[in-house]
C-alpha atoms as a PDB file:
ATOM      1  CA  MET A   1     -82.140 -64.520  16.532  1.00  0.00           C
ATOM      2  CA  LEU A   2     -82.403 -67.612  18.703  1.00  0.00           C
ATOM      3  CA  ALA A   3     -78.626 -67.630  19.250  1.00  0.00           C
ATOM      4  CA  ILE A   4     -78.732 -63.999  20.364  1.00  0.00           C
ATOM      5  CA  SER A   5     -81.619 -64.787  22.718  1.00  0.00           C
ATOM      6  CA  TYR A   6     -79.541 -67.521  24.363  1.00  0.00           C
ATOM      7  CA  GLU A   7     -76.652 -65.083  24.705  1.00  0.00           C
ATOM      8  CA  LYS A   8     -78.858 -62.464  26.359  1.00  0.00           C
ATOM      9  CA  LEU A   9     -80.317 -65.057  28.737  1.00  0.00           C
ATOM     10  CA  GLY A  10     -76.785 -66.127  29.612  1.00  0.00           C
ATOM     11  CA  GLU A  11     -75.886 -62.511  30.380  1.00  0.00           C
ATOM     12  CA  ILE A  12     -78.977 -62.119  32.560  1.00  0.00           C
ATOM     13  CA  TYR A  13     -78.181 -65.248  34.561  1.00  0.00           C
ATOM     14  CA  THR A  14     -74.570 -64.121  34.911  1.00  0.00           C
ATOM     15  CA  ASN A  15     -75.744 -60.801  36.328  1.00  0.00           C
ATOM     16  CA  LEU A  16     -78.050 -62.675  38.702  1.00  0.00           C
ATOM     17  CA  GLY A  17     -75.116 -64.769  39.908  1.00  0.00           C
ATOM     18  CA  ASN A  18     -76.467 -68.064  38.557  1.00  0.00           C
ATOM     19  CA  ILE A  19     -73.321 -69.020  36.670  1.00  0.00           C
ATOM     20  CA  LYS A  20     -74.320 -72.629  35.974  1.00  0.00           C
ATOM     21  CA  GLN A  21     -77.582 -71.541  34.331  1.00  0.00           C
ATOM     22  CA  ALA A  22     -75.675 -68.866  32.415  1.00  0.00           C
ATOM     23  CA  LEU A  23     -73.270 -71.526  31.186  1.00  0.00           C
ATOM     24  CA  ALA A  24     -76.165 -73.638  29.894  1.00  0.00           C
ATOM     25  CA  PHE A  25     -77.445 -70.723  27.802  1.00  0.00           C
ATOM     26  CA  PHE A  26     -73.976 -69.779  26.559  1.00  0.00           C
ATOM     27  CA  GLU A  27     -73.404 -73.395  25.527  1.00  0.00           C
ATOM     28  CA  LYS A  28     -76.668 -73.374  23.556  1.00  0.00           C
ATOM     29  CA  ARG A  29     -75.680 -70.083  21.952  1.00  0.00           C
ATOM     30  CA  SER A  30     -72.285 -71.461  20.971  1.00  0.00           C
ATOM     31  CA  GLN A  31     -73.777 -74.690  19.627  1.00  0.00           C
ATOM     32  CA  LEU A  32     -76.138 -72.732  17.381  1.00  0.00           C
ATOM     33  CA  GLY A  33     -73.261 -70.499  16.332  1.00  0.00           C
ATOM     34  CA  GLU A  34     -71.172 -73.516  15.386  1.00  0.00           C
ATOM     35  CA  GLU A  35     -74.050 -74.968  13.354  1.00  0.00           C
ATOM     36  CA  LEU A  36     -74.649 -71.679  11.540  1.00  0.00           C
ATOM     37  CA  TYR A  37     -70.959 -71.189  10.813  1.00  0.00           C
ATOM     38  CA  LYS A  38     -70.579 -74.774   9.597  1.00  0.00           C
ATOM     39  CA  THR A  39     -73.578 -74.371   7.282  1.00  0.00           C
ATOM     40  CA  TYR A  40     -72.557 -70.909   6.056  1.00  0.00           C
ATOM     41  CA  PRO A  41     -68.751 -70.695   6.431  1.00  0.00           C
ATOM     42  CA  ASP A  42     -68.515 -67.588   4.230  1.00  0.00           C
ATOM     43  CA  ASN A  43     -70.852 -65.580   6.446  1.00  0.00           C
ATOM     44  CA  ILE A  44     -68.562 -63.336   8.497  1.00  0.00           C
ATOM     45  CA  ASN A  45     -71.361 -62.382  10.899  1.00  0.00           C
ATOM     46  CA  PHE A  46     -71.781 -66.020  11.922  1.00  0.00           C
ATOM     47  CA  LYS A  47     -68.027 -66.394  12.329  1.00  0.00           C
ATOM     48  CA  GLU A  48     -67.815 -63.249  14.449  1.00  0.00           C
ATOM     49  CA  GLY A  49     -70.809 -64.325  16.546  1.00  0.00           C
ATOM     50  CA  LEU A  50     -69.168 -67.675  17.167  1.00  0.00           C
ATOM     51  CA  ALA A  51     -65.960 -65.957  18.274  1.00  0.00           C
ATOM     52  CA  TRP A  52     -67.872 -63.835  20.775  1.00  0.00           C
ATOM     53  CA  SER A  53     -69.750 -66.915  22.007  1.00  0.00           C
ATOM     54  CA  TYR A  54     -66.372 -68.447  22.857  1.00  0.00           C
ATOM     55  CA  GLN A  55     -65.567 -65.324  24.867  1.00  0.00           C
ATOM     56  CA  PHE A  56     -68.711 -65.825  26.961  1.00  0.00           C
ATOM     57  CA  LEU A  57     -67.852 -69.483  27.487  1.00  0.00           C
ATOM     58  CA  GLY A  58     -64.275 -68.637  28.484  1.00  0.00           C
ATOM     59  CA  LEU A  59     -65.386 -65.991  30.962  1.00  0.00           C
ATOM     60  CA  THR A  60     -68.074 -68.243  32.413  1.00  0.00           C
ATOM     61  CA  HIS A  61     -65.681 -71.147  32.841  1.00  0.00           C
ATOM     62  CA  SER A  62     -63.298 -68.687  34.477  1.00  0.00           C
ATOM     63  CA  ASN A  63     -66.004 -67.886  37.039  1.00  0.00           C
ATOM     64  CA  LEU A  64     -66.437 -71.625  37.605  1.00  0.00           C
ATOM     65  CA  GLY A  65     -62.674 -72.291  37.824  1.00  0.00           C
ATOM     66  CA  ASN A  66     -62.568 -74.736  34.883  1.00  0.00           C
ATOM     67  CA  LEU A  67     -58.960 -74.120  33.842  1.00  0.00           C
ATOM     68  CA  ARG A  68     -58.773 -76.294  30.750  1.00  0.00           C
ATOM     69  CA  LYS A  69     -61.989 -74.928  29.323  1.00  0.00           C
ATOM     70  CA  ILE A  70     -60.954 -71.323  29.943  1.00  0.00           C
ATOM     71  CA  LEU A  71     -57.887 -71.742  27.775  1.00  0.00           C
ATOM     72  CA  LEU A  72     -59.747 -73.799  25.158  1.00  0.00           C
ATOM     73  CA  PHE A  73     -62.424 -71.181  24.561  1.00  0.00           C
ATOM     74  CA  PHE A  74     -60.084 -68.183  24.600  1.00  0.00           C
ATOM     75  CA  GLU A  75     -57.862 -69.968  22.075  1.00  0.00           C
ATOM     76  CA  LYS A  76     -60.901 -70.669  19.870  1.00  0.00           C
ATOM     77  CA  MET A  77     -61.915 -67.024  20.155  1.00  0.00           C
ATOM     78  CA  ASN A  78     -58.388 -65.946  19.266  1.00  0.00           C
ATOM     79  CA  ASN A  79     -58.165 -68.244  16.238  1.00  0.00           C
ATOM     80  CA  LEU A  80     -61.417 -66.951  14.762  1.00  0.00           C
ATOM     81  CA  PHE A  81     -60.468 -63.319  15.319  1.00  0.00           C
ATOM     82  CA  ILE A  82     -57.058 -63.896  13.746  1.00  0.00           C
ATOM     83  CA  GLU A  83     -58.813 -65.203  10.631  1.00  0.00           C
ATOM     84  CA  LEU A  84     -61.343 -62.367  10.619  1.00  0.00           C
ATOM     85  CA  TYR A  85     -58.751 -59.646  11.188  1.00  0.00           C
ATOM     86  CA  GLU A  86     -56.349 -61.013   8.581  1.00  0.00           C
ATOM     87  CA  THR A  87     -59.184 -61.110   6.043  1.00  0.00           C
ATOM     88  CA  PHE A  88     -60.625 -57.711   7.019  1.00  0.00           C
ATOM     89  CA  PRO A  89     -57.777 -55.693   8.616  1.00  0.00           C
ATOM     90  CA  SER A  90     -59.723 -52.423   8.496  1.00  0.00           C
ATOM     91  CA  ASN A  91     -62.664 -53.850  10.489  1.00  0.00           C
ATOM     92  CA  LEU A  92     -62.613 -52.183  13.894  1.00  0.00           C
ATOM     93  CA  LYS A  93     -64.612 -54.906  15.695  1.00  0.00           C
ATOM     94  CA  PHE A  94     -62.327 -57.660  14.441  1.00  0.00           C
ATOM     95  CA  LYS A  95     -59.194 -55.813  15.525  1.00  0.00           C
ATOM     96  CA  ASP A  96     -60.723 -55.125  18.947  1.00  0.00           C
ATOM     97  CA  GLY A  97     -61.829 -58.762  19.289  1.00  0.00           C
ATOM     98  CA  LEU A  98     -58.347 -59.983  18.431  1.00  0.00           C
ATOM     99  CA  ALA A  99     -56.703 -57.571  20.874  1.00  0.00           C
ATOM    100  CA  LEU A 100     -59.147 -58.594  23.603  1.00  0.00           C
ATOM    101  CA  SER A 101     -58.474 -62.282  22.960  1.00  0.00           C
ATOM    102  CA  TYR A 102     -54.755 -61.600  23.483  1.00  0.00           C
ATOM    103  CA  LEU A 103     -55.560 -59.924  26.800  1.00  0.00           C
ATOM    104  CA  TYR A 104     -57.624 -62.928  27.921  1.00  0.00           C
ATOM    105  CA  LEU A 105     -54.953 -65.387  26.819  1.00  0.00           C
ATOM    106  CA  GLY A 106     -52.278 -63.360  28.578  1.00  0.00           C
ATOM    107  CA  GLU A 107     -54.260 -63.321  31.809  1.00  0.00           C
ATOM    108  CA  THR A 108     -54.929 -67.046  31.543  1.00  0.00           C
ATOM    109  CA  GLN A 109     -51.267 -67.838  30.955  1.00  0.00           C
ATOM    110  CA  GLU A 110     -50.107 -65.521  33.739  1.00  0.00           C
ATOM    111  CA  LYS A 111     -52.591 -66.098  36.508  1.00  0.00           C
ATOM    112  CA  LEU A 112     -53.713 -69.674  35.973  1.00  0.00           C
ATOM    113  CA  LEU A 113     -50.865 -71.417  34.183  1.00  0.00           C
ATOM    114  CA  LYS A 114     -48.042 -69.303  35.653  1.00  0.00           C
ATOM    115  CA  ASP A 115     -46.347 -69.115  32.254  1.00  0.00           C
ATOM    116  CA  ILE A 116     -44.960 -65.584  32.342  1.00  0.00           C
ATOM    117  CA  ASN A 117     -43.179 -65.785  28.983  1.00  0.00           C
ATOM    118  CA  ARG A 118     -46.323 -66.814  27.122  1.00  0.00           C
ATOM    119  CA  ALA A 119     -48.354 -64.246  29.021  1.00  0.00           C
ATOM    120  CA  LYS A 120     -45.907 -61.513  28.043  1.00  0.00           C
ATOM    121  CA  ASN A 121     -46.052 -62.605  24.404  1.00  0.00           C
ATOM    122  CA  TYR A 122     -49.852 -62.364  24.346  1.00  0.00           C
ATOM    123  CA  TYR A 123     -49.865 -59.058  26.225  1.00  0.00           C
ATOM    124  CA  LEU A 124     -47.379 -57.548  23.759  1.00  0.00           C
ATOM    125  CA  ARG A 125     -49.541 -58.578  20.806  1.00  0.00           C
ATOM    126  CA  GLY A 126     -52.610 -57.045  22.434  1.00  0.00           C
ATOM    127  CA  LEU A 127     -50.640 -53.952  23.449  1.00  0.00           C
ATOM    128  CA  LYS A 128     -49.641 -53.248  19.851  1.00  0.00           C
ATOM    129  CA  LEU A 129     -53.228 -53.554  18.623  1.00  0.00           C
ATOM    130  CA  TYR A 130     -54.686 -51.417  21.417  1.00  0.00           C
ATOM    131  CA  GLN A 131     -52.031 -48.739  20.911  1.00  0.00           C
ATOM    132  CA  GLU A 132     -53.111 -48.544  17.274  1.00  0.00           C
ATOM    133  CA  LEU A 133     -56.805 -48.528  18.199  1.00  0.00           C
ATOM    134  CA  VAL A 134     -56.365 -45.748  20.771  1.00  0.00           C
ATOM    135  CA  LYS A 135     -54.309 -43.693  18.311  1.00  0.00           C
ATOM    136  CA  ASP A 136     -56.807 -44.127  15.479  1.00  0.00           C
ATOM    137  CA  PHE A 137     -60.008 -44.021  17.547  1.00  0.00           C
ATOM    138  CA  PRO A 138     -59.384 -41.971  20.721  1.00  0.00           C
ATOM    139  CA  GLN A 139     -63.126 -41.474  21.227  1.00  0.00           C
ATOM    140  CA  TYR A 140     -63.603 -45.113  22.316  1.00  0.00           C
ATOM    141  CA  PRO A 141     -63.037 -45.375  26.092  1.00  0.00           C
ATOM    142  CA  ASN A 142     -62.975 -49.201  26.003  1.00  0.00           C
ATOM    143  CA  PHE A 143     -59.826 -49.139  23.894  1.00  0.00           C
ATOM    144  CA  LYS A 144     -58.095 -46.835  26.399  1.00  0.00           C
ATOM    145  CA  HIS A 145     -59.271 -48.967  29.296  1.00  0.00           C
ATOM    146  CA  ASN A 146     -58.035 -52.217  27.738  1.00  0.00           C
ATOM    147  CA  LEU A 147     -54.734 -50.572  26.787  1.00  0.00           C
ATOM    148  CA  ARG A 148     -54.217 -49.526  30.418  1.00  0.00           C
ATOM    149  CA  CYS A 149     -55.090 -53.061  31.557  1.00  0.00           C
ATOM    150  CA  ILE A 150     -52.439 -54.575  29.305  1.00  0.00           C
ATOM    151  CA  GLU A 151     -49.876 -51.936  30.297  1.00  0.00           C
ATOM    152  CA  ASN A 152     -50.547 -52.688  33.978  1.00  0.00           C
ATOM    153  CA  GLN A 153     -50.278 -56.440  33.394  1.00  0.00           C
ATOM    154  CA  LEU A 154     -46.928 -55.993  31.671  1.00  0.00           C
ATOM    155  CA  GLN A 155     -45.624 -53.742  34.468  1.00  0.00           C
ATOM    156  CA  ASN A 156     -46.592 -56.330  37.063  1.00  0.00           C
ATOM    157  CA  LEU A 157     -44.880 -59.276  35.356  1.00  0.00           C
END
């Protein structure tokens, strides 16, 4: 529960525009997540929570313009969701997390690193997953939204 409290505080400070304070809470959340996952590596909830904590760190470092850390945390997020999705391919949250990590990595490669080929590769991976998610779960507007985002990114390359 403490890790979730840090995450919520980070979200509050993000919404208030205090990105540095948000980062401090997201770092604490991630540190606790890493400790929990290291202690209980078979607990998929801890692994998933850690993956999401990396998302918050990547987004926060994006707001701060810390290029290297953006890529680092989105890659960590991606690696964990690859493992989770490959182990539990029918888990909707893991598939969505993996697809979202591909979107973030594509945007990072395109906009910050100017590597269009890598960006396209990530976008195509995310596109495939979101097409499947929208087909199988049309009631989820986030899937449709993220699919449109990836389609737009690919059109603009």
